[in-house]
Amino acid sequence: MPTLDARSWPAHAAPPMMVSEPWWLFSKAISADACDRIVELGLSHVRERGIGRTDNLDDERQTWIAWIREDWVYKLVEPFIHAANVQAEWRFDVERMQSLQFGIYDVGGRYDWHRDMTGRPYSAKDPVSETFHGLLRKISYSLQLSEPTSYDGGDLELEAGVPGNTERAEKADPERARGTMIVFPAFIPHRITAVTRGVRYSLVGWLCGKPWR
């Protein structure tokens, strides 16, 4: 497979490979108490502006993030990612999880169409630890931390149609049940629609592995 860069792909271009299951859902996988603890932890950490893939950040992404590295959170969410990898029959060769990103989407917060996987493995020029050099993102996940009635908008939509269709965005979890985990290949285009009321909290992360051959 030739090396590709996600920044060069049109937002609605076909992904670099096809899978029969574009996402895998675990409804209410995480308890409300655990969601409360993660939100409290995320809000206690230093927050920063979420970055994008272009210089036009205001047009691409408006959200605040904080990085979570506490072991108990990893141990809570990681089994679901590995289970999805098997149950969805992706069976990607994966090795390490990156730090977990706590997201805060208040009114106007959004993240337009993007992919989590770039077309090259991490190297010394990337702001990651050496343990990730030579690896790339293969599996993404999003954990719903807010009650669905506490905000409007802010839907996770994935591109799951056939190239050429005009309507290809699908809501992975229309009910948005708190504690639900949505797992999907990192090359699947996705977005968070704009929040119009309230605040949406989420936890996202990525499982990395060696480049495909």
Protein backbone atom coordinates (compact mmCIF):
# COMPACT_ATOMS: atom_id res chain seq x y z
CA MET A 1 0.00 0.00 0.00
CA PRO A 2 1.48 3.41 -0.89
CA THR A 3 2.01 5.92 1.85
CA LEU A 4 -0.94 8.29 2.22
CA ASP A 5 -1.39 11.42 4.24
CA ALA A 6 -4.83 12.03 5.74
CA ARG A 7 -4.50 15.75 5.08
CA SER A 8 -4.42 15.07 1.33
CA TRP A 9 -7.66 13.06 1.31
CA PRO A 10 -10.94 14.87 0.50
CA ALA A 11 -13.33 14.78 3.44
CA HIS A 12 -15.68 12.37 1.67
CA ALA A 13 -13.15 10.32 -0.28
CA ALA A 14 -13.16 6.55 0.10
CA PRO A 15 -11.05 5.31 3.02
CA PRO A 16 -7.76 3.53 2.19
CA MET A 17 -9.42 0.17 2.88
CA MET A 18 -12.92 -1.21 3.42
CA VAL A 19 -14.31 -3.12 6.37
CA SER A 20 -17.64 -4.88 6.74
CA GLU A 21 -18.30 -3.20 10.12
CA PRO A 22 -17.42 0.53 10.09
CA TRP A 23 -17.96 0.70 13.85
CA TRP A 24 -18.75 -1.49 16.86
CA LEU A 25 -20.95 -0.37 19.74
CA PHE A 26 -21.02 -1.37 23.40
CA SER A 27 -24.19 0.17 24.85
CA LYS A 28 -23.90 1.48 28.43
CA ALA A 29 -20.60 -0.35 28.85
CA ILE A 30 -19.30 2.03 31.51
CA SER A 31 -21.27 2.73 34.69
CA ALA A 32 -22.64 6.16 35.56
CA ASP A 33 -20.35 6.30 38.61
CA ALA A 34 -17.31 5.63 36.43
CA CYS A 35 -18.45 8.30 33.97
CA ASP A 36 -18.75 10.76 36.85
CA ARG A 37 -15.22 9.92 38.00
CA ILE A 38 -13.78 10.39 34.51
CA VAL A 39 -15.53 13.75 34.07
CA GLU A 40 -14.29 14.91 37.47
CA LEU A 41 -10.77 13.77 36.59
CA GLY A 42 -10.83 15.43 33.18
CA LEU A 43 -12.06 18.73 34.58
CA SER A 44 -9.31 18.67 37.20
CA HIS A 45 -6.54 18.55 34.59
CA VAL A 46 -5.11 21.47 32.67
CA ARG A 47 -7.17 22.04 29.54
CA GLU A 48 -5.97 23.18 26.14
CA ARG A 49 -7.46 24.02 22.78
CA GLY A 50 -7.98 20.96 20.58
CA ILE A 51 -5.75 21.11 17.51
CA GLY A 52 -6.71 20.32 13.92
CA ARG A 53 -5.00 19.26 10.72
CA THR A 54 -5.02 22.69 9.06
CA ASP A 55 -4.19 26.23 10.07
CA ASN A 56 -7.89 27.20 9.85
CA LEU A 57 -8.63 25.86 13.31
CA ASP A 58 -11.75 27.94 13.94
CA ASP A 59 -13.31 26.56 10.77
CA GLU A 60 -12.33 22.98 11.55
CA ARG A 61 -12.52 22.35 15.28
CA GLN A 62 -13.76 24.16 18.37
CA THR A 63 -13.29 22.18 21.56
CA TRP A 64 -11.26 22.05 24.74
CA ILE A 65 -9.35 18.94 25.73
CA ALA A 66 -7.37 17.54 28.67
CA TRP A 67 -5.07 14.50 28.68
CA ILE A 68 -5.80 11.60 31.02
CA ARG A 69 -3.04 9.13 31.85
CA GLU A 70 -4.34 7.47 35.01
CA ASP A 71 -3.99 3.68 34.86
CA TRP A 72 -7.47 2.90 36.16
CA VAL A 73 -9.07 4.64 33.17
CA TYR A 74 -6.93 2.65 30.72
CA LYS A 75 -7.86 -0.59 32.47
CA LEU A 76 -11.53 0.37 32.30
CA VAL A 77 -11.76 1.12 28.57
CA GLU A 78 -9.04 -0.94 26.90
CA PRO A 79 -10.80 -4.34 27.04
CA PHE A 80 -13.67 -2.97 24.94
CA ILE A 81 -11.32 -1.84 22.18
CA HIS A 82 -9.69 -5.26 21.95
CA ALA A 83 -13.10 -6.94 22.08
CA ALA A 84 -14.35 -4.80 19.18
CA ASN A 85 -11.23 -5.65 17.17
CA VAL A 86 -12.19 -9.33 17.43
CA GLN A 87 -15.99 -9.14 17.34
CA ALA A 88 -16.08 -6.80 14.33
CA GLU A 89 -13.53 -9.12 12.67
CA TRP A 90 -11.06 -6.35 11.92
CA ARG A 91 -8.28 -8.25 13.69
CA PHE A 92 -5.83 -5.38 13.25
CA ASP A 93 -2.32 -5.94 14.58
CA VAL A 94 -2.17 -3.46 17.49
CA GLU A 95 0.30 -2.86 20.30
CA ARG A 96 -0.11 0.28 22.41
CA MET A 97 -2.76 2.76 23.54
CA GLN A 98 -2.08 6.47 23.42
CA SER A 99 -2.96 8.91 26.19
CA LEU A 100 -6.70 9.40 26.61
CA GLN A 101 -8.25 12.67 25.45
CA PHE A 102 -11.05 14.17 27.54
CA GLY A 103 -13.19 16.45 25.37
CA ILE A 104 -15.32 19.43 26.36
CA TYR A 105 -17.80 20.63 23.72
CA ASP A 106 -19.80 23.63 24.89
CA VAL A 107 -22.20 25.65 22.73
CA GLY A 108 -20.66 25.99 19.27
CA GLY A 109 -18.19 23.20 19.92
CA ARG A 110 -17.66 20.86 16.99
CA TYR A 111 -15.07 18.92 15.00
CA ASP A 112 -15.58 18.75 11.25
CA TRP A 113 -14.86 15.73 9.01
CA HIS A 114 -11.47 14.18 9.70
CA ARG A 115 -9.64 10.89 10.10
CA ASP A 116 -7.62 9.96 13.17
CA MET A 117 -5.00 8.08 11.17
CA THR A 118 -2.34 9.83 9.12
CA GLY A 119 -0.68 7.87 6.36
CA ARG A 120 2.70 7.51 8.01
CA PRO A 121 3.96 6.04 11.27
CA TYR A 122 5.06 8.28 14.13
CA SER A 123 8.70 9.38 14.13
CA ALA A 124 11.02 11.63 16.13
CA LYS A 125 9.45 14.74 14.60
CA ASP A 126 6.08 13.96 16.21
CA PRO A 127 5.16 15.03 19.78
CA VAL A 128 4.85 11.45 21.05
CA SER A 129 7.08 9.27 23.21
CA GLU A 130 9.70 7.07 21.56
CA THR A 131 7.60 3.99 22.35
CA PHE A 132 5.22 5.07 19.55
CA HIS A 133 7.88 5.62 16.89
CA GLY A 134 7.21 3.30 13.96
CA LEU A 135 3.54 2.87 14.92
CA LEU A 136 0.37 4.50 13.61
CA ARG A 137 -3.19 4.82 14.82
CA LYS A 138 -5.34 1.87 13.78
CA ILE A 139 -8.38 1.86 16.09
CA SER A 140 -10.27 4.83 17.55
CA TYR A 141 -12.95 4.94 20.19
CA SER A 142 -15.35 7.45 21.73
CA LEU A 143 -16.93 7.09 25.17
CA GLN A 144 -20.16 8.99 25.86
CA LEU A 145 -19.78 10.67 29.27
CA SER A 146 -22.78 13.04 29.29
CA GLU A 147 -26.44 12.34 29.79
CA PRO A 148 -28.11 12.55 26.36
CA THR A 149 -30.69 15.09 27.56
CA SER A 150 -28.05 17.48 28.92
CA TYR A 151 -27.13 18.87 25.50
CA ASP A 152 -28.39 19.22 21.91
CA GLY A 153 -26.33 18.66 18.78
CA GLY A 154 -22.88 17.20 19.38
CA ASP A 155 -23.55 13.94 17.53
CA LEU A 156 -20.78 11.59 16.49
CA GLU A 157 -21.34 10.85 12.81
CA LEU A 158 -19.31 8.41 10.73
CA GLU A 159 -18.99 8.11 6.98
CA ALA A 160 -20.24 4.61 6.28
CA GLY A 161 -21.86 4.77 2.83
CA VAL A 162 -20.68 3.73 -0.60
CA PRO A 163 -18.49 6.29 -2.40
CA GLY A 164 -20.65 8.33 -4.74
CA ASN A 165 -23.70 8.47 -2.48
CA THR A 166 -24.77 11.99 -1.51
CA GLU A 167 -25.84 11.02 2.02
CA ARG A 168 -23.14 9.00 3.72
CA ALA A 169 -23.12 10.21 7.32
CA GLU A 170 -24.62 7.90 9.92
CA LYS A 171 -25.06 8.39 13.66
CA ALA A 172 -23.26 5.53 15.34
CA ASP A 173 -25.42 5.86 18.47
CA PRO A 174 -28.63 7.87 17.97
CA GLU A 175 -29.71 7.25 21.58
CA ARG A 176 -26.40 8.60 22.95
CA ALA A 177 -26.78 6.54 26.12
CA ARG A 178 -24.33 7.51 28.81
CA GLY A 179 -21.44 5.07 29.18
CA THR A 180 -21.71 3.81 25.60
CA MET A 181 -18.45 3.00 23.84
CA ILE A 182 -18.18 3.36 20.05
CA VAL A 183 -15.10 1.75 18.48
CA PHE A 184 -14.11 2.21 14.83
CA PRO A 185 -11.11 1.95 12.49
CA ALA A 186 -8.99 5.08 12.65
CA PHE A 187 -9.21 5.58 8.88
CA ILE A 188 -13.02 6.02 8.93
CA PRO A 189 -13.97 9.70 8.37
CA HIS A 190 -16.08 11.10 11.21
CA ARG A 191 -17.20 14.34 12.80
CA ILE A 192 -18.85 15.87 15.86
CA THR A 193 -21.72 18.14 14.87
CA ALA A 194 -22.05 21.53 16.56
CA VAL A 195 -23.44 21.63 20.10
CA THR A 196 -26.41 24.00 20.28
CA ARG A 197 -27.29 23.65 24.00
CA GLY A 198 -25.46 22.45 27.08
CA VAL A 199 -22.08 20.75 27.26
CA ARG A 200 -20.97 17.42 25.82
CA TYR A 201 -18.21 15.50 27.60
CA SER A 202 -16.43 12.61 25.92
CA LEU A 203 -13.35 10.45 26.20
CA VAL A 204 -11.55 9.42 23.04
CA GLY A 205 -8.38 7.48 22.35
CA TRP A 206 -6.45 5.40 19.88
CA LEU A 207 -4.82 1.99 19.72
CA CYS A 208 -1.65 1.92 17.64
CA GLY A 209 0.22 -0.74 15.72
CA LYS A 210 2.80 -1.28 13.02
CA PRO A 211 1.93 -0.12 9.48
CA TRP A 212 -0.16 -2.43 7.33
CA ARG A 213 1.71 -4.57 4.80
